[in-house]
Structure formats: structure tokens, C-alpha cells
Amino acid sequence: MEEKMRKMIGGDWIAQEGHTTALKISACRHCDARWFPPRDVCSTCASGDLEQITTGDRGVAYASTVVRVGTLPFRAPYVLSYVDIDGVRLLTHFDDDHAPAPGTPVRLTTGQIGSEGDTELWSHLAQPIAKEGTR
């Protein structure tokens, strides 16, 4: 069986150590704003004094939706979520069949989000954190 090629979307912004996935973000030393993806100039105060830091791997869902009619290279239905993690809000694919309710605890991971021909497209995504005693 032939192994498929894998392309990591936004791989420069993903920090992985073992089974832990985190994101590389920018934090402004002048106004304390945080940005993902990382940048060289703060979009809030225009300061160039930014520190590049790494988030933790856990956050909470802010808002989510199930996309039922999508575009290539994504195969509908799929879930998109805004997730708050360490002071940034990012749009990410969600690794579940159902949109999480606001406030649902999530963990960052990586996984397949689509495909182009024989190439699997991978990126960061969020998954629900199972409650103790379940899953």
C-alpha cells in the first residue's frame, strides 16, 4: 500500500513536543496584545517590540459552526471553531462531528483537514477534552 504525502498548513506556527501541540504567537511588550499568526508589528499599537512566545495546549471554544456546504480541499461536513488560548482567538478546524458549545474545554492537536489529490493536508486543530471517567 502506497503511503500518502502529507503537507502541513501553517507548520511554521505550530510547536510540537512529543504528544503536545502548541502555537507560536506574538506578544506586544508595549500594549500586551497577543497575535496569531505571529507578526513583526503589533496590529493594536503599531509597536515593533514584540516577543515570540509559545502557547499552552489547552483553551476554550468561543463559537463554532458545522460547515455543511464547503469548498475544496475540505470535505463537508466539517466543524470550524473559534478557540481562545493564552490570550489569542484563532479559527481552527475541530476534531469532532458536532460543534462544541461556548466554553467547552479543548486541546490543540494536529490532524488531517483536507486533501489535494494524493496529498493529505494537515494543520492545527482543536479537540474536546474528555471529562474524567468518559472516553
N, C-alpha and C. Protein backbone atom coordinates (compact mmCIF):
# COMPACT_ATOMS: atom_id res chain seq x y z
N MET A 1 0.84 -1.18 0.00
CA MET A 1 0.00 0.00 0.00
C MET A 1 0.88 1.25 0.00
N GLU A 2 0.60 2.16 -0.90
CA GLU A 2 1.39 3.37 -1.04
C GLU A 2 1.01 4.39 0.03
N GLU A 3 2.04 4.95 0.68
CA GLU A 3 1.79 5.95 1.73
C GLU A 3 1.53 7.31 1.08
N LYS A 4 0.51 8.01 1.57
CA LYS A 4 0.17 9.32 1.02
C LYS A 4 1.15 10.37 1.50
N MET A 5 1.36 11.38 0.67
CA MET A 5 2.18 12.51 1.07
C MET A 5 1.37 13.37 2.02
N ARG A 6 2.07 14.10 2.88
CA ARG A 6 1.42 14.94 3.87
C ARG A 6 2.01 16.35 3.79
N LYS A 7 1.13 17.35 3.74
CA LYS A 7 1.56 18.75 3.71
C LYS A 7 0.99 19.44 4.96
N MET A 8 1.87 20.06 5.75
CA MET A 8 1.45 20.75 6.97
C MET A 8 1.16 22.21 6.65
N ILE A 9 -0.09 22.63 6.80
CA ILE A 9 -0.50 24.01 6.57
C ILE A 9 -0.20 24.81 7.83
N GLY A 10 0.54 25.92 7.69
CA GLY A 10 0.88 26.74 8.85
C GLY A 10 1.87 26.07 9.78
N GLY A 11 2.65 25.15 9.27
CA GLY A 11 3.59 24.40 10.10
C GLY A 11 4.61 25.25 10.83
N ASP A 12 4.96 26.40 10.26
CA ASP A 12 5.93 27.30 10.92
C ASP A 12 5.35 27.88 12.20
N TRP A 13 4.04 27.85 12.37
CA TRP A 13 3.38 28.45 13.54
C TRP A 13 3.00 27.41 14.58
N ILE A 14 3.33 26.15 14.33
CA ILE A 14 2.95 25.07 15.24
C ILE A 14 4.19 24.58 15.98
N ALA A 15 4.07 24.44 17.29
CA ALA A 15 5.16 23.92 18.12
C ALA A 15 4.71 22.58 18.68
N GLN A 16 5.46 21.53 18.37
CA GLN A 16 5.10 20.20 18.88
C GLN A 16 6.27 19.63 19.67
N GLU A 17 5.93 19.09 20.82
CA GLU A 17 6.91 18.40 21.65
C GLU A 17 6.25 17.12 22.15
N GLY A 18 6.69 16.00 21.63
CA GLY A 18 6.04 14.74 21.97
C GLY A 18 4.60 14.75 21.48
N HIS A 19 3.65 14.50 22.38
CA HIS A 19 2.23 14.50 22.02
C HIS A 19 1.56 15.84 22.30
N THR A 20 2.34 16.85 22.65
CA THR A 20 1.78 18.17 22.97
C THR A 20 1.91 19.09 21.77
N THR A 21 0.80 19.74 21.41
CA THR A 21 0.78 20.70 20.31
C THR A 21 0.48 22.08 20.88
N ALA A 22 1.26 23.07 20.48
CA ALA A 22 1.05 24.45 20.90
C ALA A 22 1.23 25.34 19.68
N LEU A 23 1.00 26.63 19.85
CA LEU A 23 1.13 27.58 18.75
C LEU A 23 2.18 28.63 19.08
N LYS A 24 2.87 29.08 18.05
CA LYS A 24 3.81 30.19 18.19
C LYS A 24 3.02 31.47 17.94
N ILE A 25 3.07 32.39 18.90
CA ILE A 25 2.32 33.64 18.80
C ILE A 25 3.25 34.81 19.08
N SER A 26 2.76 36.02 18.82
CA SER A 26 3.48 37.25 19.15
C SER A 26 2.77 37.93 20.31
N ALA A 27 3.56 38.46 21.25
CA ALA A 27 3.03 39.22 22.38
C ALA A 27 3.70 40.59 22.37
N CYS A 28 2.90 41.65 22.35
CA CYS A 28 3.42 43.01 22.31
C CYS A 28 3.88 43.43 23.71
N ARG A 29 5.12 43.87 23.81
CA ARG A 29 5.64 44.33 25.10
C ARG A 29 5.10 45.71 25.46
N HIS A 30 4.57 46.43 24.48
CA HIS A 30 4.08 47.79 24.71
C HIS A 30 2.64 47.81 25.22
N CYS A 31 1.74 47.04 24.57
CA CYS A 31 0.31 47.10 24.94
C CYS A 31 -0.25 45.76 25.41
N ASP A 32 0.57 44.73 25.45
CA ASP A 32 0.18 43.39 25.92
C ASP A 32 -0.76 42.64 24.98
N ALA A 33 -1.03 43.14 23.77
CA ALA A 33 -1.85 42.40 22.81
C ALA A 33 -1.10 41.15 22.35
N ARG A 34 -1.85 40.12 22.00
CA ARG A 34 -1.26 38.87 21.51
C ARG A 34 -1.86 38.55 20.15
N TRP A 35 -1.04 37.93 19.29
CA TRP A 35 -1.45 37.72 17.90
C TRP A 35 -1.09 36.33 17.40
N PHE A 36 -2.02 35.74 16.69
CA PHE A 36 -1.78 34.52 15.93
C PHE A 36 -2.43 34.69 14.57
N PRO A 37 -1.71 34.44 13.50
CA PRO A 37 -0.32 34.00 13.46
C PRO A 37 0.62 35.11 13.94
N PRO A 38 1.87 34.73 14.29
CA PRO A 38 2.82 35.72 14.78
C PRO A 38 3.12 36.78 13.73
N ARG A 39 3.50 37.95 14.20
CA ARG A 39 3.81 39.07 13.30
C ARG A 39 4.96 39.88 13.84
N ASP A 40 5.44 40.82 13.02
CA ASP A 40 6.58 41.66 13.40
C ASP A 40 6.15 42.99 13.99
N VAL A 41 4.92 43.43 13.69
CA VAL A 41 4.41 44.72 14.17
C VAL A 41 3.05 44.47 14.82
N CYS A 42 2.83 45.09 15.98
CA CYS A 42 1.56 44.93 16.68
C CYS A 42 0.45 45.63 15.91
N SER A 43 -0.63 44.92 15.66
CA SER A 43 -1.77 45.48 14.94
C SER A 43 -2.63 46.38 15.81
N THR A 44 -2.39 46.40 17.12
CA THR A 44 -3.14 47.27 18.02
C THR A 44 -2.47 48.63 18.18
N CYS A 45 -1.15 48.63 18.46
CA CYS A 45 -0.47 49.89 18.77
C CYS A 45 0.66 50.23 17.80
N ALA A 46 0.93 49.37 16.83
CA ALA A 46 1.96 49.56 15.80
C ALA A 46 3.38 49.48 16.35
N SER A 47 3.56 48.97 17.55
CA SER A 47 4.89 48.79 18.11
C SER A 47 5.59 47.62 17.42
N GLY A 48 6.89 47.74 17.26
CA GLY A 48 7.69 46.65 16.73
C GLY A 48 8.34 45.83 17.84
N ASP A 49 8.01 46.15 19.09
CA ASP A 49 8.60 45.47 20.25
C ASP A 49 7.74 44.27 20.64
N LEU A 50 7.83 43.22 19.84
CA LEU A 50 7.05 42.01 20.08
C LEU A 50 7.96 40.86 20.49
N GLU A 51 7.45 40.03 21.36
CA GLU A 51 8.14 38.84 21.81
C GLU A 51 7.43 37.64 21.18
N GLN A 52 8.22 36.70 20.66
CA GLN A 52 7.65 35.48 20.09
C GLN A 52 7.59 34.44 21.20
N ILE A 53 6.38 33.97 21.53
CA ILE A 53 6.20 33.02 22.62
C ILE A 53 5.39 31.82 22.13
N THR A 54 5.32 30.80 22.96
CA THR A 54 4.57 29.59 22.64
C THR A 54 3.42 29.45 23.63
N THR A 55 2.23 29.14 23.10
CA THR A 55 1.05 28.96 23.95
C THR A 55 1.12 27.62 24.68
N GLY A 56 0.17 27.42 25.56
CA GLY A 56 -0.06 26.10 26.12
C GLY A 56 -0.87 25.30 25.11
N ASP A 57 -1.29 24.12 25.49
CA ASP A 57 -2.03 23.28 24.54
C ASP A 57 -3.53 23.23 24.83
N ARG A 58 -4.00 24.03 25.80
CA ARG A 58 -5.43 23.97 26.16
C ARG A 58 -6.08 25.34 26.09
N GLY A 59 -7.36 25.33 25.73
CA GLY A 59 -8.12 26.56 25.65
C GLY A 59 -9.60 26.25 25.78
N VAL A 60 -10.43 27.20 25.35
CA VAL A 60 -11.88 27.00 25.39
C VAL A 60 -12.49 27.45 24.06
N ALA A 61 -13.54 26.74 23.66
CA ALA A 61 -14.27 27.12 22.44
C ALA A 61 -15.03 28.42 22.71
N TYR A 62 -14.94 29.35 21.77
CA TYR A 62 -15.67 30.62 21.87
C TYR A 62 -16.97 30.54 21.07
N ALA A 63 -16.86 30.09 19.82
CA ALA A 63 -18.02 29.94 18.94
C ALA A 63 -17.66 28.90 17.87
N SER A 64 -18.65 28.17 17.40
CA SER A 64 -18.40 27.09 16.44
C SER A 64 -19.57 26.94 15.48
N THR A 65 -19.29 26.30 14.35
CA THR A 65 -20.33 26.02 13.38
C THR A 65 -19.99 24.75 12.62
N VAL A 66 -21.01 24.08 12.12
CA VAL A 66 -20.82 22.94 11.24
C VAL A 66 -20.98 23.46 9.81
N VAL A 67 -19.93 23.28 9.01
CA VAL A 67 -19.97 23.69 7.61
C VAL A 67 -20.54 22.52 6.82
N ARG A 68 -21.70 22.71 6.23
CA ARG A 68 -22.36 21.61 5.51
C ARG A 68 -22.15 21.69 4.00
N VAL A 69 -21.87 22.88 3.49
CA VAL A 69 -21.55 23.06 2.08
C VAL A 69 -20.22 23.80 2.05
N GLY A 70 -19.16 23.08 1.75
CA GLY A 70 -17.82 23.66 1.80
C GLY A 70 -17.19 23.76 0.43
N THR A 71 -15.94 24.16 0.45
CA THR A 71 -15.16 24.27 -0.78
C THR A 71 -14.00 23.30 -0.71
N LEU A 72 -13.48 22.95 -1.86
CA LEU A 72 -12.28 22.11 -1.90
C LEU A 72 -11.13 22.92 -1.32
N PRO A 73 -10.23 22.36 -0.60
CA PRO A 73 -9.94 20.94 -0.45
C PRO A 73 -10.60 20.29 0.76
N PHE A 74 -11.58 20.95 1.35
CA PHE A 74 -12.23 20.41 2.55
C PHE A 74 -13.49 19.64 2.15
N ARG A 75 -13.71 18.53 2.82
CA ARG A 75 -14.87 17.69 2.52
C ARG A 75 -15.94 17.92 3.59
N ALA A 76 -17.05 18.52 3.19
CA ALA A 76 -18.15 18.81 4.12
C ALA A 76 -18.87 17.51 4.47
N PRO A 77 -19.46 17.43 5.64
CA PRO A 77 -19.49 18.46 6.67
C PRO A 77 -18.22 18.43 7.53
N TYR A 78 -17.85 19.61 8.05
CA TYR A 78 -16.74 19.71 8.99
C TYR A 78 -17.05 20.85 9.96
N VAL A 79 -16.36 20.84 11.08
CA VAL A 79 -16.62 21.82 12.14
C VAL A 79 -15.48 22.83 12.20
N LEU A 80 -15.84 24.11 12.23
CA LEU A 80 -14.87 25.19 12.47
C LEU A 80 -15.20 25.83 13.81
N SER A 81 -14.16 26.16 14.56
CA SER A 81 -14.35 26.77 15.87
C SER A 81 -13.39 27.94 16.06
N TYR A 82 -13.89 28.98 16.71
CA TYR A 82 -13.01 29.99 17.27
C TYR A 82 -12.64 29.50 18.65
N VAL A 83 -11.35 29.46 18.94
CA VAL A 83 -10.86 28.95 20.21
C VAL A 83 -10.00 30.03 20.88
N ASP A 84 -10.24 30.25 22.17
CA ASP A 84 -9.42 31.17 22.96
C ASP A 84 -8.36 30.37 23.69
N ILE A 85 -7.09 30.76 23.46
CA ILE A 85 -5.99 30.08 24.11
C ILE A 85 -4.88 31.08 24.41
N ASP A 86 -4.56 31.23 25.67
CA ASP A 86 -3.48 32.10 26.13
C ASP A 86 -3.53 33.50 25.53
N GLY A 87 -4.72 34.09 25.48
CA GLY A 87 -4.85 35.47 25.06
C GLY A 87 -5.04 35.70 23.58
N VAL A 88 -5.12 34.65 22.78
CA VAL A 88 -5.41 34.80 21.35
C VAL A 88 -6.68 34.03 21.02
N ARG A 89 -7.36 34.48 20.00
CA ARG A 89 -8.54 33.78 19.49
C ARG A 89 -8.21 33.35 18.07
N LEU A 90 -8.29 32.05 17.80
CA LEU A 90 -7.95 31.57 16.47
C LEU A 90 -9.08 30.75 15.89
N LEU A 91 -9.18 30.78 14.58
CA LEU A 91 -10.13 29.95 13.86
C LEU A 91 -9.42 28.65 13.52
N THR A 92 -10.03 27.54 13.87
CA THR A 92 -9.39 26.25 13.64
C THR A 92 -10.44 25.19 13.32
N HIS A 93 -10.02 24.17 12.65
CA HIS A 93 -10.89 23.00 12.47
C HIS A 93 -11.05 22.33 13.82
N PHE A 94 -12.18 21.66 14.00
CA PHE A 94 -12.48 20.99 15.26
C PHE A 94 -12.60 19.51 15.00
N ASP A 95 -11.90 18.71 15.78
CA ASP A 95 -11.81 17.27 15.59
C ASP A 95 -12.97 16.54 16.28
N ASP A 96 -14.17 16.77 15.78
CA ASP A 96 -15.37 16.10 16.30
C ASP A 96 -16.48 16.32 15.27
N ASP A 97 -17.53 15.54 15.36
CA ASP A 97 -18.64 15.66 14.41
C ASP A 97 -19.62 16.77 14.77
N HIS A 98 -19.58 17.22 16.02
CA HIS A 98 -20.54 18.22 16.50
C HIS A 98 -19.81 19.49 16.93
N ALA A 99 -20.42 20.63 16.68
CA ALA A 99 -19.85 21.91 17.11
C ALA A 99 -19.90 21.99 18.64
N PRO A 100 -18.79 22.35 19.27
CA PRO A 100 -18.79 22.45 20.73
C PRO A 100 -19.54 23.69 21.20
N ALA A 101 -20.14 23.60 22.36
CA ALA A 101 -20.81 24.76 22.96
C ALA A 101 -19.76 25.76 23.43
N PRO A 102 -20.09 27.05 23.46
CA PRO A 102 -19.15 28.03 24.00
C PRO A 102 -18.72 27.63 25.41
N GLY A 103 -17.43 27.78 25.67
CA GLY A 103 -16.89 27.43 26.98
C GLY A 103 -16.40 26.00 27.10
N THR A 104 -16.59 25.20 26.05
CA THR A 104 -16.12 23.81 26.09
C THR A 104 -14.60 23.77 26.15
N PRO A 105 -14.02 23.05 27.11
CA PRO A 105 -12.56 22.93 27.17
C PRO A 105 -12.05 22.13 25.97
N VAL A 106 -10.96 22.62 25.36
CA VAL A 106 -10.39 21.96 24.18
C VAL A 106 -8.88 21.84 24.34
N ARG A 107 -8.33 20.94 23.55
CA ARG A 107 -6.89 20.73 23.49
C ARG A 107 -6.45 20.88 22.04
N LEU A 108 -5.30 21.49 21.83
CA LEU A 108 -4.74 21.60 20.49
C LEU A 108 -4.07 20.29 20.09
N THR A 109 -4.18 19.97 18.83
CA THR A 109 -3.51 18.81 18.27
C THR A 109 -3.28 19.10 16.79
N THR A 110 -2.79 18.15 16.06
CA THR A 110 -2.69 18.28 14.60
C THR A 110 -3.43 17.11 13.98
N GLY A 111 -3.90 17.33 12.76
CA GLY A 111 -4.60 16.26 12.07
C GLY A 111 -4.94 16.68 10.66
N GLN A 112 -5.48 15.74 9.91
CA GLN A 112 -5.85 15.99 8.52
C GLN A 112 -7.09 16.87 8.46
N ILE A 113 -7.01 17.94 7.66
CA ILE A 113 -8.14 18.85 7.49
C ILE A 113 -8.69 18.84 6.07
N GLY A 114 -8.02 18.17 5.16
CA GLY A 114 -8.46 18.11 3.77
C GLY A 114 -7.47 17.32 2.94
N SER A 115 -7.65 17.37 1.62
CA SER A 115 -6.71 16.69 0.73
C SER A 115 -6.73 17.36 -0.63
N GLU A 116 -5.58 17.26 -1.29
CA GLU A 116 -5.42 17.73 -2.67
C GLU A 116 -4.81 16.57 -3.45
N GLY A 117 -5.63 15.90 -4.23
CA GLY A 117 -5.13 14.73 -4.95
C GLY A 117 -4.69 13.66 -3.98
N ASP A 118 -3.43 13.23 -4.11
CA ASP A 118 -2.89 12.20 -3.22
C ASP A 118 -2.21 12.78 -1.98
N THR A 119 -2.31 14.09 -1.79
CA THR A 119 -1.65 14.74 -0.66
C THR A 119 -2.64 15.07 0.44
N GLU A 120 -2.36 14.59 1.65
CA GLU A 120 -3.18 14.94 2.81
C GLU A 120 -2.77 16.32 3.32
N LEU A 121 -3.74 17.17 3.59
CA LEU A 121 -3.47 18.49 4.15
C LEU A 121 -3.69 18.42 5.66
N TRP A 122 -2.67 18.77 6.41
CA TRP A 122 -2.72 18.73 7.87
C TRP A 122 -2.53 20.14 8.42
N SER A 123 -3.04 20.38 9.61
CA SER A 123 -2.84 21.65 10.31
C SER A 123 -3.17 21.46 11.78
N HIS A 124 -3.08 22.57 12.52
CA HIS A 124 -3.52 22.53 13.92
C HIS A 124 -5.03 22.37 13.92
N LEU A 125 -5.54 21.73 14.92
CA LEU A 125 -6.99 21.64 15.13
C LEU A 125 -7.24 21.46 16.61
N ALA A 126 -8.47 21.69 17.00
CA ALA A 126 -8.85 21.54 18.41
C ALA A 126 -9.70 20.30 18.57
N GLN A 127 -9.61 19.69 19.74
CA GLN A 127 -10.46 18.54 20.04
C GLN A 127 -10.98 18.71 21.46
N PRO A 128 -12.17 18.16 21.72
CA PRO A 128 -12.73 18.31 23.06
C PRO A 128 -11.88 17.56 24.08
N ILE A 129 -11.79 18.12 25.26
CA ILE A 129 -11.13 17.42 26.36
C ILE A 129 -12.20 16.59 27.05
N ALA A 130 -12.00 15.28 27.05
CA ALA A 130 -12.98 14.38 27.64
C ALA A 130 -13.07 14.61 29.15
N LYS A 131 -14.28 14.58 29.65
CA LYS A 131 -14.47 14.68 31.10
C LYS A 131 -13.93 13.42 31.75
N GLU A 132 -13.46 13.56 32.99
CA GLU A 132 -12.93 12.40 33.70
C GLU A 132 -13.97 11.30 33.75
N GLY A 133 -13.52 10.08 33.48
CA GLY A 133 -14.42 8.94 33.53
C GLY A 133 -15.13 8.66 32.22
N THR A 134 -14.90 9.50 31.19
CA THR A 134 -15.51 9.25 29.88
C THR A 134 -14.42 9.12 28.84
N ARG A 135 -14.82 8.60 27.68
CA ARG A 135 -13.92 8.38 26.56
C ARG A 135 -12.77 7.54 26.96
